[in-house]
C-alpha atoms as a PDB file:
ATOM      1  CA  UNK A   1       0.000   0.000   0.000  1.00  0.00           C
ATOM      2  CA  UNK A   2       1.339   3.456  -0.904  1.00  0.00           C
ATOM      3  CA  UNK A   3       1.313   5.689   2.182  1.00  0.00           C
ATOM      4  CA  UNK A   4       2.295   9.341   2.556  1.00  0.00           C
ATOM      5  CA  UNK A   5       3.232  10.235   6.135  1.00  0.00           C
ATOM      6  CA  UNK A   6       3.225  13.873   7.203  1.00  0.00           C
ATOM      7  CA  UNK A   7       5.084  14.704  10.396  1.00  0.00           C
ATOM      8  CA  UNK A   8       7.421  11.728  10.018  1.00  0.00           C
ATOM      9  CA  UNK A   9      10.249  13.419  11.928  1.00  0.00           C
ATOM     10  CA  UNK A  10       8.038  14.016  14.978  1.00  0.00           C
ATOM     11  CA  UNK A  11       7.691  11.923  18.115  1.00  0.00           C
ATOM     12  CA  UNK A  12       4.668   9.954  16.895  1.00  0.00           C
ATOM     13  CA  UNK A  13       5.326  10.244  13.160  1.00  0.00           C
ATOM     14  CA  UNK A  14       8.699   8.524  13.252  1.00  0.00           C
ATOM     15  CA  UNK A  15       7.221   5.522  15.059  1.00  0.00           C
ATOM     16  CA  UNK A  16       4.389   5.311  12.523  1.00  0.00           C
ATOM     17  CA  UNK A  17       6.924   5.482   9.684  1.00  0.00           C
ATOM     18  CA  UNK A  18       9.006   2.656  11.160  1.00  0.00           C
ATOM     19  CA  UNK A  19       5.948   0.490  11.829  1.00  0.00           C
ATOM     20  CA  UNK A  20       4.612   1.034   8.290  1.00  0.00           C
ATOM     21  CA  UNK A  21       7.978   0.120   6.765  1.00  0.00           C
ATOM     22  CA  UNK A  22       8.256  -2.989   8.944  1.00  0.00           C
ATOM     23  CA  UNK A  23       4.772  -3.991   7.720  1.00  0.00           C
ATOM     24  CA  UNK A  24       6.003  -3.849   4.109  1.00  0.00           C
ATOM     25  CA  UNK A  25       4.190  -0.713   2.943  1.00  0.00           C
ATOM     26  CA  UNK A  26       5.519   1.701   0.315  1.00  0.00           C
ATOM     27  CA  UNK A  27       6.200   4.694   2.554  1.00  0.00           C
ATOM     28  CA  UNK A  28       6.819   8.279   1.525  1.00  0.00           C
ATOM     29  CA  UNK A  29       7.441  11.089   3.999  1.00  0.00           C
ATOM     30  CA  UNK A  30       6.687  14.748   3.439  1.00  0.00           C
ATOM     31  CA  UNK A  31       9.578  16.775   4.888  1.00  0.00           C
ATOM     32  CA  UNK A  32      10.667  20.410   4.925  1.00  0.00           C
ATOM     33  CA  UNK A  33      14.309  19.582   5.657  1.00  0.00           C
ATOM     34  CA  UNK A  34      15.933  16.586   3.935  1.00  0.00           C
ATOM     35  CA  UNK A  35      18.857  16.574   6.362  1.00  0.00           C
ATOM     36  CA  UNK A  36      16.552  16.395   9.348  1.00  0.00           C
ATOM     37  CA  UNK A  37      14.643  13.522   7.712  1.00  0.00           C
ATOM     38  CA  UNK A  38      17.754  11.602   6.626  1.00  0.00           C
ATOM     39  CA  UNK A  39      17.146   8.867   9.212  1.00  0.00           C
ATOM     40  CA  UNK A  40      13.757   8.147   7.603  1.00  0.00           C
ATOM     41  CA  UNK A  41      15.492   7.564   4.273  1.00  0.00           C
ATOM     42  CA  UNK A  42      17.977   5.262   5.994  1.00  0.00           C
ATOM     43  CA  UNK A  43      15.027   3.223   7.264  1.00  0.00           C
ATOM     44  CA  UNK A  44      13.702   2.843   3.710  1.00  0.00           C
ATOM     45  CA  UNK A  45      11.215   5.686   3.280  1.00  0.00           C
ATOM     46  CA  UNK A  46      11.163   7.946   0.232  1.00  0.00           C
ATOM     47  CA  UNK A  47      11.526  11.623   1.105  1.00  0.00           C
ATOM     48  CA  UNK A  48       9.434  14.234  -0.688  1.00  0.00           C
ATOM     49  CA  UNK A  49       9.688  17.962  -0.160  1.00  0.00           C
ATOM     50  CA  UNK A  50       6.553  19.620   1.156  1.00  0.00           C
ATOM     51  CA  UNK A  51       5.442  22.193   3.684  1.00  0.00           C
ATOM     52  CA  UNK A  52       1.896  22.505   5.059  1.00  0.00           C
ATOM     53  CA  UNK A  53       2.441  26.225   5.518  1.00  0.00           C
ATOM     54  CA  UNK A  54       3.069  26.465   1.747  1.00  0.00           C
ATOM     55  CA  UNK A  55      -0.022  24.755   0.234  1.00  0.00           C
ATOM     56  CA  UNK A  56       1.389  24.809  -3.309  1.00  0.00           C
ATOM     57  CA  UNK A  57       3.982  22.170  -2.279  1.00  0.00           C
ATOM     58  CA  UNK A  58       1.343  19.612  -1.255  1.00  0.00           C
ATOM     59  CA  UNK A  59      -0.341  18.333  -4.482  1.00  0.00           C
ATOM     60  CA  UNK A  60       2.783  16.927  -6.155  1.00  0.00           C
ATOM     61  CA  UNK A  61       3.524  14.753  -3.101  1.00  0.00           C
ATOM     62  CA  UNK A  62       0.097  13.069  -3.335  1.00  0.00           C
ATOM     63  CA  UNK A  63       0.612  11.594  -6.802  1.00  0.00           C
ATOM     64  CA  UNK A  64      -0.075   7.854  -6.677  1.00  0.00           C
ATOM     65  CA  UNK A  65      -0.762   7.910  -2.920  1.00  0.00           C
ATOM     66  CA  UNK A  66      -3.691   5.867  -1.592  1.00  0.00           C
ATOM     67  CA  UNK A  67      -3.427   6.621   2.125  1.00  0.00           C
ATOM     68  CA  UNK A  68      -2.314   9.789   3.922  1.00  0.00           C
ATOM     69  CA  UNK A  69      -1.305   9.581   7.581  1.00  0.00           C
ATOM     70  CA  UNK A  70      -1.101  13.097   9.002  1.00  0.00           C
ATOM     71  CA  UNK A  71       0.796  13.056  12.308  1.00  0.00           C
ATOM     72  CA  UNK A  72       1.952  16.667  12.039  1.00  0.00           C
ATOM     73  CA  UNK A  73       1.292  19.529  14.443  1.00  0.00           C
ATOM     74  CA  UNK A  74       2.938  22.802  15.318  1.00  0.00           C
ATOM     75  CA  UNK A  75       5.802  22.890  17.825  1.00  0.00           C
ATOM     76  CA  UNK A  76       6.055  25.633  20.434  1.00  0.00           C
ATOM     77  CA  UNK A  77       9.502  26.530  19.071  1.00  0.00           C
ATOM     78  CA  UNK A  78       8.415  26.600  15.424  1.00  0.00           C
ATOM     79  CA  UNK A  79       8.688  29.752  13.341  1.00  0.00           C
ATOM     80  CA  UNK A  80       5.257  28.933  11.880  1.00  0.00           C
ATOM     81  CA  UNK A  81       1.974  29.719  13.610  1.00  0.00           C
ATOM     82  CA  UNK A  82      -0.625  27.094  14.484  1.00  0.00           C
ATOM     83  CA  UNK A  83      -3.058  28.813  12.115  1.00  0.00           C
ATOM     84  CA  UNK A  84      -0.621  28.322   9.217  1.00  0.00           C
ATOM     85  CA  UNK A  85       0.005  24.612   9.872  1.00  0.00           C
ATOM     86  CA  UNK A  86      -2.895  23.174  11.921  1.00  0.00           C
ATOM     87  CA  UNK A  87      -5.404  25.443  10.219  1.00  0.00           C
ATOM     88  CA  UNK A  88      -4.853  26.550   6.619  1.00  0.00           C
ATOM     89  CA  UNK A  89      -2.221  23.885   5.929  1.00  0.00           C
ATOM     90  CA  UNK A  90      -4.434  20.959   6.872  1.00  0.00           C
ATOM     91  CA  UNK A  91      -7.421  22.398   5.019  1.00  0.00           C
ATOM     92  CA  UNK A  92      -5.205  22.627   1.917  1.00  0.00           C
ATOM     93  CA  UNK A  93      -4.111  19.019   2.463  1.00  0.00           C
ATOM     94  CA  UNK A  94      -7.727  17.805   2.565  1.00  0.00           C
ATOM     95  CA  UNK A  95      -8.615  19.692  -0.623  1.00  0.00           C
ATOM     96  CA  UNK A  96      -5.514  18.428  -2.426  1.00  0.00           C
ATOM     97  CA  UNK A  97      -6.288  14.855  -1.318  1.00  0.00           C
ATOM     98  CA  UNK A  98      -9.799  15.112  -2.782  1.00  0.00           C
ATOM     99  CA  UNK A  99      -8.442  16.261  -6.141  1.00  0.00           C
ATOM    100  CA  UNK A 100      -5.673  13.644  -6.168  1.00  0.00           C
ATOM    101  CA  UNK A 101      -7.978  10.692  -5.548  1.00  0.00           C
ATOM    102  CA  UNK A 102      -6.584   9.727  -2.125  1.00  0.00           C
ATOM    103  CA  UNK A 103      -8.667   6.870  -0.700  1.00  0.00           C
ATOM    104  CA  UNK A 104      -8.104   7.395   3.009  1.00  0.00           C
ATOM    105  CA  UNK A 105      -6.813   9.979   5.489  1.00  0.00           C
ATOM    106  CA  UNK A 106      -5.650   9.040   8.981  1.00  0.00           C
ATOM    107  CA  UNK A 107      -5.563  12.087  11.242  1.00  0.00           C
ATOM    108  CA  UNK A 108      -4.729  12.769  14.892  1.00  0.00           C
ATOM    109  CA  UNK A 109      -6.554  15.104  17.236  1.00  0.00           C
ATOM    110  CA  UNK A 110      -6.958  15.624  20.992  1.00  0.00           C
ATOM    111  CA  UNK A 111      -9.317  13.837  23.376  1.00  0.00           C
ATOM    112  CA  UNK A 112     -12.287  16.012  24.426  1.00  0.00           C
ATOM    113  CA  UNK A 113     -11.406  18.692  21.874  1.00  0.00           C
ATOM    114  CA  UNK A 114     -15.015  19.810  21.517  1.00  0.00           C
ATOM    115  CA  UNK A 115     -15.161  20.642  25.246  1.00  0.00           C
ATOM    116  CA  UNK A 116     -12.140  22.964  25.136  1.00  0.00           C
ATOM    117  CA  UNK A 117     -12.687  25.207  22.123  1.00  0.00           C
ATOM    118  CA  UNK A 118     -11.412  28.238  24.055  1.00  0.00           C
ATOM    119  CA  UNK A 119      -7.891  26.858  23.495  1.00  0.00           C
ATOM    120  CA  UNK A 120      -6.912  28.126  19.997  1.00  0.00           C
ATOM    121  CA  UNK A 121      -5.013  24.990  18.945  1.00  0.00           C
ATOM    122  CA  UNK A 122      -7.865  22.702  20.017  1.00  0.00           C
ATOM    123  CA  UNK A 123     -10.349  24.933  18.215  1.00  0.00           C
ATOM    124  CA  UNK A 124      -8.296  24.526  15.037  1.00  0.00           C
ATOM    125  CA  UNK A 125      -8.118  20.755  15.459  1.00  0.00           C
ATOM    126  CA  UNK A 126     -11.887  20.599  15.972  1.00  0.00           C
ATOM    127  CA  UNK A 127     -12.455  22.565  12.755  1.00  0.00           C
ATOM    128  CA  UNK A 128     -10.154  20.199  10.851  1.00  0.00           C
ATOM    129  CA  UNK A 129     -12.076  17.222  12.251  1.00  0.00           C
ATOM    130  CA  UNK A 130     -15.278  18.740  10.858  1.00  0.00           C
ATOM    131  CA  UNK A 131     -13.655  19.527   7.505  1.00  0.00           C
ATOM    132  CA  UNK A 132     -12.393  15.954   7.197  1.00  0.00           C
ATOM    133  CA  UNK A 133     -15.839  14.537   7.978  1.00  0.00           C
ATOM    134  CA  UNK A 134     -17.385  16.782   5.310  1.00  0.00           C
ATOM    135  CA  UNK A 135     -14.704  15.983   2.692  1.00  0.00           C
ATOM    136  CA  UNK A 136     -16.214  12.734   1.459  1.00  0.00           C
ATOM    137  CA  UNK A 137     -12.852  10.957   1.859  1.00  0.00           C
ATOM    138  CA  UNK A 138     -12.730   7.798   3.933  1.00  0.00           C
ATOM    139  CA  UNK A 139     -11.178   8.883   7.247  1.00  0.00           C
ATOM    140  CA  UNK A 140     -10.224   7.842  10.760  1.00  0.00           C
ATOM    141  CA  UNK A 141      -9.535  10.489  13.395  1.00  0.00           C
ATOM    142  CA  UNK A 142      -7.539   9.205  16.352  1.00  0.00           C
ATOM    143  CA  UNK A 143      -8.148  11.341  19.447  1.00  0.00           C
ATOM    144  CA  UNK A 144      -5.117  11.190  21.729  1.00  0.00           C
ATOM    145  CA  UNK A 145      -4.621  12.244  25.341  1.00  0.00           C
ATOM    146  CA  UNK A 146      -0.837  12.325  25.752  1.00  0.00           C
ATOM    147  CA  UNK A 147       2.337  10.342  25.136  1.00  0.00           C
ATOM    148  CA  UNK A 148       4.973   8.972  27.522  1.00  0.00           C
ATOM    149  CA  UNK A 149       7.764  10.857  25.759  1.00  0.00           C
ATOM    150  CA  UNK A 150       6.390  14.233  26.887  1.00  0.00           C
ATOM    151  CA  UNK A 151       6.670  13.215  30.541  1.00  0.00           C
ATOM    152  CA  UNK A 152      10.468  13.118  30.403  1.00  0.00           C
ATOM    153  CA  UNK A 153      11.011  16.845  29.919  1.00  0.00           C
ATOM    154  CA  UNK A 154       8.029  17.863  32.021  1.00  0.00           C
ATOM    155  CA  UNK A 155       8.581  15.633  35.063  1.00  0.00           C
ATOM    156  CA  UNK A 156      11.442  13.107  34.923  1.00  0.00           C
ATOM    157  CA  UNK A 157      14.378  15.378  34.056  1.00  0.00           C
ATOM    158  CA  UNK A 158      13.430  18.293  36.361  1.00  0.00           C
ATOM    159  CA  UNK A 159      13.284  15.866  39.295  1.00  0.00           C
ATOM    160  CA  UNK A 160      16.718  14.449  38.467  1.00  0.00           C
ATOM    161  CA  UNK A 161      18.152  17.961  38.070  1.00  0.00           C
ATOM    162  CA  UNK A 162      16.478  19.215  41.275  1.00  0.00           C
ATOM    163  CA  UNK A 163      14.554  21.811  39.288  1.00  0.00           C
ATOM    164  CA  UNK A 164      11.070  23.081  40.088  1.00  0.00           C
ATOM    165  CA  UNK A 165       8.075  21.417  38.434  1.00  0.00           C
ATOM    166  CA  UNK A 166       5.252  23.879  37.807  1.00  0.00           C
ATOM    167  CA  UNK A 167       1.754  22.411  38.045  1.00  0.00           C
ATOM    168  CA  UNK A 168      -1.831  23.551  38.124  1.00  0.00           C
ATOM    169  CA  UNK A 169      -3.773  22.034  40.980  1.00  0.00           C
ATOM    170  CA  UNK A 170      -6.981  21.436  38.996  1.00  0.00           C
ATOM    171  CA  UNK A 171      -5.326  20.272  35.778  1.00  0.00           C
ATOM    172  CA  UNK A 172      -6.992  17.454  33.848  1.00  0.00           C
ATOM    173  CA  UNK A 173      -5.689  13.913  34.205  1.00  0.00           C
ATOM    174  CA  UNK A 174      -4.033  12.407  31.119  1.00  0.00           C
ATOM    175  CA  UNK A 175      -4.207   8.861  29.742  1.00  0.00           C
ATOM    176  CA  UNK A 176      -0.591   8.672  28.578  1.00  0.00           C
ATOM    177  CA  UNK A 177       0.365   6.146  25.877  1.00  0.00           C
ATOM    178  CA  UNK A 178       3.651   4.937  24.407  1.00  0.00           C
ATOM    179  CA  UNK A 179       4.102   6.189  20.828  1.00  0.00           C
ATOM    180  CA  UNK A 180       5.350   2.750  19.757  1.00  0.00           C
ATOM    181  CA  UNK A 181       2.082   1.166  20.903  1.00  0.00           C
ATOM    182  CA  UNK A 182       0.124   3.943  19.173  1.00  0.00           C
ATOM    183  CA  UNK A 183       1.976   3.422  15.894  1.00  0.00           C
ATOM    184  CA  UNK A 184       1.564  -0.338  16.048  1.00  0.00           C
ATOM    185  CA  UNK A 185      -2.222  -0.231  16.516  1.00  0.00           C
ATOM    186  CA  UNK A 186      -2.670   2.458  13.832  1.00  0.00           C
ATOM    187  CA  UNK A 187      -0.800   0.480  11.165  1.00  0.00           C
ATOM    188  CA  UNK A 188      -2.475  -2.810  12.169  1.00  0.00           C
ATOM    189  CA  UNK A 189      -5.911  -1.243  11.631  1.00  0.00           C
ATOM    190  CA  UNK A 190      -5.220   0.566   8.345  1.00  0.00           C
ATOM    191  CA  UNK A 191      -7.554  -1.736   6.442  1.00  0.00           C
ATOM    192  CA  UNK A 192     -10.005  -2.419   9.283  1.00  0.00           C
ATOM    193  CA  UNK A 193     -13.461  -1.249   8.087  1.00  0.00           C
ATOM    194  CA  UNK A 194     -14.635  -1.044  11.716  1.00  0.00           C
ATOM    195  CA  UNK A 195     -12.869   2.315  12.052  1.00  0.00           C
ATOM    196  CA  UNK A 196     -13.875   3.816   8.711  1.00  0.00           C
ATOM    197  CA  UNK A 197     -15.327   7.325   9.019  1.00  0.00           C
ATOM    198  CA  UNK A 198     -15.062   7.367  12.788  1.00  0.00           C
ATOM    199  CA  UNK A 199     -13.478   9.293  15.633  1.00  0.00           C
ATOM    200  CA  UNK A 200     -11.555   6.774  17.730  1.00  0.00           C
ATOM    201  CA  UNK A 201      -9.874   7.306  21.114  1.00  0.00           C
ATOM    202  CA  UNK A 202      -6.201   6.304  21.177  1.00  0.00           C
ATOM    203  CA  UNK A 203      -5.209   6.418  24.839  1.00  0.00           C
ATOM    204  CA  UNK A 204      -3.370   4.590  27.611  1.00  0.00           C
ATOM    205  CA  UNK A 205      -4.837   2.201  30.154  1.00  0.00           C
ATOM    206  CA  UNK A 206      -5.033   4.740  32.985  1.00  0.00           C
ATOM    207  CA  UNK A 207      -5.648   8.452  33.476  1.00  0.00           C
ATOM    208  CA  UNK A 208      -2.809   9.966  35.506  1.00  0.00           C
ATOM    209  CA  UNK A 209      -2.983  13.172  37.536  1.00  0.00           C
ATOM    210  CA  UNK A 210       0.107  15.383  37.716  1.00  0.00           C
ATOM    211  CA  UNK A 211       0.576  14.577  41.410  1.00  0.00           C
ATOM    212  CA  UNK A 212       0.479  10.829  40.702  1.00  0.00           C
ATOM    213  CA  UNK A 213       3.184  11.186  38.044  1.00  0.00           C
ATOM    214  CA  UNK A 214       5.380  13.224  40.397  1.00  0.00           C
ATOM    215  CA  UNK A 215       4.970  10.571  43.095  1.00  0.00           C
ATOM    216  CA  UNK A 216       5.869   7.805  40.618  1.00  0.00           C
ATOM    217  CA  UNK A 217       8.974   9.677  39.413  1.00  0.00           C
ATOM    218  CA  UNK A 218      10.069  10.285  43.006  1.00  0.00           C
ATOM    219  CA  UNK A 219       9.742   6.600  43.838  1.00  0.00           C
ATOM    220  CA  UNK A 220      11.645   5.418  40.773  1.00  0.00           C
ATOM    221  CA  UNK A 221      14.387   8.054  40.899  1.00  0.00           C
ATOM    222  CA  UNK A 222      14.867   8.110  44.663  1.00  0.00           C
ATOM    223  CA  UNK A 223      14.749  11.909  44.645  1.00  0.00           C
ATOM    224  CA  UNK A 224      12.266  14.385  46.086  1.00  0.00           C
ATOM    225  CA  UNK A 225      10.562  16.722  43.634  1.00  0.00           C
ATOM    226  CA  UNK A 226      10.291  20.477  44.010  1.00  0.00           C
ATOM    227  CA  UNK A 227       6.698  21.290  43.061  1.00  0.00           C
ATOM    228  CA  UNK A 228       5.028  24.701  42.764  1.00  0.00           C
ATOM    229  CA  UNK A 229       1.419  25.266  41.786  1.00  0.00           C
ATOM    230  CA  UNK A 230       0.378  27.966  39.323  1.00  0.00           C
ATOM    231  CA  UNK A 231      -3.026  29.657  39.688  1.00  0.00           C
ATOM    232  CA  UNK A 232      -5.211  29.445  36.590  1.00  0.00           C
ATOM    233  CA  UNK A 233      -5.505  33.226  36.354  1.00  0.00           C
ATOM    234  CA  UNK A 234      -1.694  33.514  36.163  1.00  0.00           C
ATOM    235  CA  UNK A 235      -1.619  31.152  33.159  1.00  0.00           C
ATOM    236  CA  UNK A 236      -4.314  33.187  31.449  1.00  0.00           C
ATOM    237  CA  UNK A 237      -2.496  36.465  32.000  1.00  0.00           C
ATOM    238  CA  UNK A 238       0.777  35.027  30.681  1.00  0.00           C
ATOM    239  CA  UNK A 239      -1.002  33.563  27.627  1.00  0.00           C
ATOM    240  CA  UNK A 240      -2.569  36.943  26.851  1.00  0.00           C
ATOM    241  CA  UNK A 241       0.816  38.669  27.090  1.00  0.00           C
ATOM    242  CA  UNK A 242       2.506  36.103  24.834  1.00  0.00           C
ATOM    243  CA  UNK A 243      -0.296  36.399  22.279  1.00  0.00           C
ATOM    244  CA  UNK A 244       0.686  40.059  21.839  1.00  0.00           C
ATOM    245  CA  UNK A 245       3.810  38.980  19.946  1.00  0.00           C
ATOM    246  CA  UNK A 246       3.609  36.824  16.819  1.00  0.00           C
ATOM    247  CA  UNK A 247       6.870  34.991  17.546  1.00  0.00           C
ATOM    248  CA  UNK A 248       5.452  33.720  20.869  1.00  0.00           C
ATOM    249  CA  UNK A 249       1.980  32.706  19.647  1.00  0.00           C
ATOM    250  CA  UNK A 250       2.833  28.998  19.653  1.00  0.00           C
ATOM    251  CA  UNK A 251       4.097  29.179  23.238  1.00  0.00           C
ATOM    252  CA  UNK A 252       0.897  30.977  24.255  1.00  0.00           C
ATOM    253  CA  UNK A 253      -1.208  28.274  22.588  1.00  0.00           C
ATOM    254  CA  UNK A 254       0.680  25.535  24.425  1.00  0.00           C
ATOM    255  CA  UNK A 255       0.339  27.349  27.741  1.00  0.00           C
ATOM    256  CA  UNK A 256      -3.418  27.367  27.331  1.00  0.00           C
ATOM    257  CA  UNK A 257      -3.385  23.566  27.502  1.00  0.00           C
ATOM    258  CA  UNK A 258      -2.724  24.138  31.204  1.00  0.00           C
ATOM    259  CA  UNK A 259      -6.139  25.753  31.498  1.00  0.00           C
ATOM    260  CA  UNK A 260      -7.886  22.476  30.636  1.00  0.00           C
ATOM    261  CA  UNK A 261      -9.526  21.457  33.897  1.00  0.00           C
ATOM    262  CA  UNK A 262     -10.832  18.181  35.256  1.00  0.00           C
ATOM    263  CA  UNK A 263     -14.388  19.327  34.620  1.00  0.00           C
ATOM    264  CA  UNK A 264     -13.805  19.999  30.906  1.00  0.00           C
ATOM    265  CA  UNK A 265     -11.743  16.850  30.359  1.00  0.00           C
ATOM    266  CA  UNK A 266     -13.162  14.091  32.575  1.00  0.00           C
ATOM    267  CA  UNK A 267     -10.878  11.164  33.362  1.00  0.00           C
ATOM    268  CA  UNK A 268     -13.251   8.404  32.317  1.00  0.00           C
ATOM    269  CA  UNK A 269     -12.801   5.806  29.626  1.00  0.00           C
ATOM    270  CA  UNK A 270     -14.445   7.012  26.401  1.00  0.00           C
ATOM    271  CA  UNK A 271     -16.908   4.727  24.661  1.00  0.00           C
ATOM    272  CA  UNK A 272     -15.149   5.029  21.290  1.00  0.00           C
ATOM    273  CA  UNK A 273     -11.784   3.621  22.380  1.00  0.00           C
ATOM    274  CA  UNK A 274      -9.939   1.452  19.865  1.00  0.00           C
ATOM    275  CA  UNK A 275      -9.854  -2.284  20.547  1.00  0.00           C
ATOM    276  CA  UNK A 276      -6.406  -3.388  21.715  1.00  0.00           C
ATOM    277  CA  UNK A 277      -5.288  -6.876  20.728  1.00  0.00           C
ATOM    278  CA  UNK A 278      -1.978  -6.650  22.599  1.00  0.00           C
ATOM    279  CA  UNK A 279      -0.857  -5.437  26.017  1.00  0.00           C
ATOM    280  CA  UNK A 280       0.115  -1.781  26.139  1.00  0.00           C
ATOM    281  CA  UNK A 281       3.306  -0.710  27.892  1.00  0.00           C
ATOM    282  CA  UNK A 282       2.303   0.776  31.281  1.00  0.00           C
ATOM    283  CA  UNK A 283       3.695   4.145  32.352  1.00  0.00           C
ATOM    284  CA  UNK A 284       5.398   2.529  35.332  1.00  0.00           C
ATOM    285  CA  UNK A 285       7.343   0.228  33.009  1.00  0.00           C
ATOM    286  CA  UNK A 286       8.336   3.057  30.677  1.00  0.00           C
ATOM    287  CA  UNK A 287       9.628   5.299  33.476  1.00  0.00           C
ATOM    288  CA  UNK A 288      11.325   2.379  35.220  1.00  0.00           C
ATOM    289  CA  UNK A 289      13.298   1.649  32.055  1.00  0.00           C
ATOM    290  CA  UNK A 290      14.123   5.343  31.592  1.00  0.00           C
ATOM    291  CA  UNK A 291      15.398   5.844  35.127  1.00  0.00           C
ATOM    292  CA  UNK A 292      17.347   2.575  35.050  1.00  0.00           C
ATOM    293  CA  UNK A 293      19.181   3.706  31.916  1.00  0.00           C
ATOM    294  CA  UNK A 294      19.751   7.302  33.010  1.00  0.00           C
ATOM    295  CA  UNK A 295      20.926   6.346  36.506  1.00  0.00           C
ATOM    296  CA  UNK A 296      23.344   3.802  35.031  1.00  0.00           C
ATOM    297  CA  UNK A 297      24.684   6.479  32.689  1.00  0.00           C
ATOM    298  CA  UNK A 298      25.114   8.908  35.588  1.00  0.00           C
ATOM    299  CA  UNK A 299      27.006   6.300  37.626  1.00  0.00           C
ATOM    300  CA  UNK A 300      29.312   5.579  34.677  1.00  0.00           C
ATOM    301  CA  UNK A 301      29.930   9.301  34.152  1.00  0.00           C
ATOM    302  CA  UNK A 302      30.694   9.857  37.834  1.00  0.00           C
ATOM    303  CA  UNK A 303      33.060   6.868  37.854  1.00  0.00           C
ATOM    304  CA  UNK A 304      34.934   8.132  34.788  1.00  0.00           C
ATOM    305  CA  UNK A 305      35.264  11.577  36.329  1.00  0.00           C
ATOM    306  CA  UNK A 306      36.590  10.140  39.594  1.00  0.00           C
ATOM    307  CA  UNK A 307      39.088   8.002  37.686  1.00  0.00           C
ATOM    308  CA  UNK A 308      40.367  11.057  35.813  1.00  0.00           C
ATOM    309  CA  UNK A 309      40.692  12.926  39.095  1.00  0.00           C
ATOM    310  CA  UNK A 310      42.781  10.105  40.551  1.00  0.00           C
ATOM    311  CA  UNK A 311      45.140  10.253  37.574  1.00  0.00           C
ATOM    312  CA  UNK A 312      46.064  13.870  38.286  1.00  0.00           C
ATOM    313  CA  UNK A 313      49.365  14.174  40.095  1.00  0.00           C
ATOM    314  CA  UNK A 314      51.086  17.200  41.570  1.00  0.00           C
ATOM    315  CA  UNK A 315      54.859  17.592  41.592  1.00  0.00           C
END
């Protein structure tokens, strides 16, 4: 099957690319930077130049493609705005797919998007969901909650480095999932008619609160976390200030995720969850492996430094 993957260099996209290649599919990846996507070519994917923020680059990449898997989204550090990529860019992709005869589009959104339309990025994703439904193309929209990989920078590393973790007391719980498990189930169900023209939840086994994750990281790392709680009004004020400058719009959009409360994103299992035919990696197992590796590396580094210190002699 000929598949075009958008966002193949991202956290989820790279796992989807690898899983699709391992399954024997003809995989092409839309990239803005060939050097950054070189590892995808090494895996066996064909690289095609394209940029969602430049709609004219999209149609040529769709030639001969039957399935589009769009795992792209704006990064907080990107020079592009969310409107350019998650808004106009994805609308252009849908229109180009219709004209090119693409059979199927696999897209990724956020769980409970429709309940949090005050967050600009979620509002854009909700509009794209609606546009995809109205397109007439066979689609599956996977609604995600969060991925393990994001926990490392937000919780695991700050605890190891004795840095402060900033939390909101009433923040919504998140059903974190390993991106490898997500990629595996997506590729396995590419041709499953059960998920045609449906919104499907793609989440982990358990909803985790921020305090539960901190406690887990403390137990596995053996270190005590420094935690400070941010009032909701402070997040809103900071988001408003950052929205005043175009180069900080993406950061402002990401900050507004912190305003999603337990009431607007309930931590209950959705009824449209995908059917899992294998055991998902639990968060405890993922963090246990991470801390085991990082602590081993730290011990080796400390040993090497002590050995070098012992070699120093003074005359």
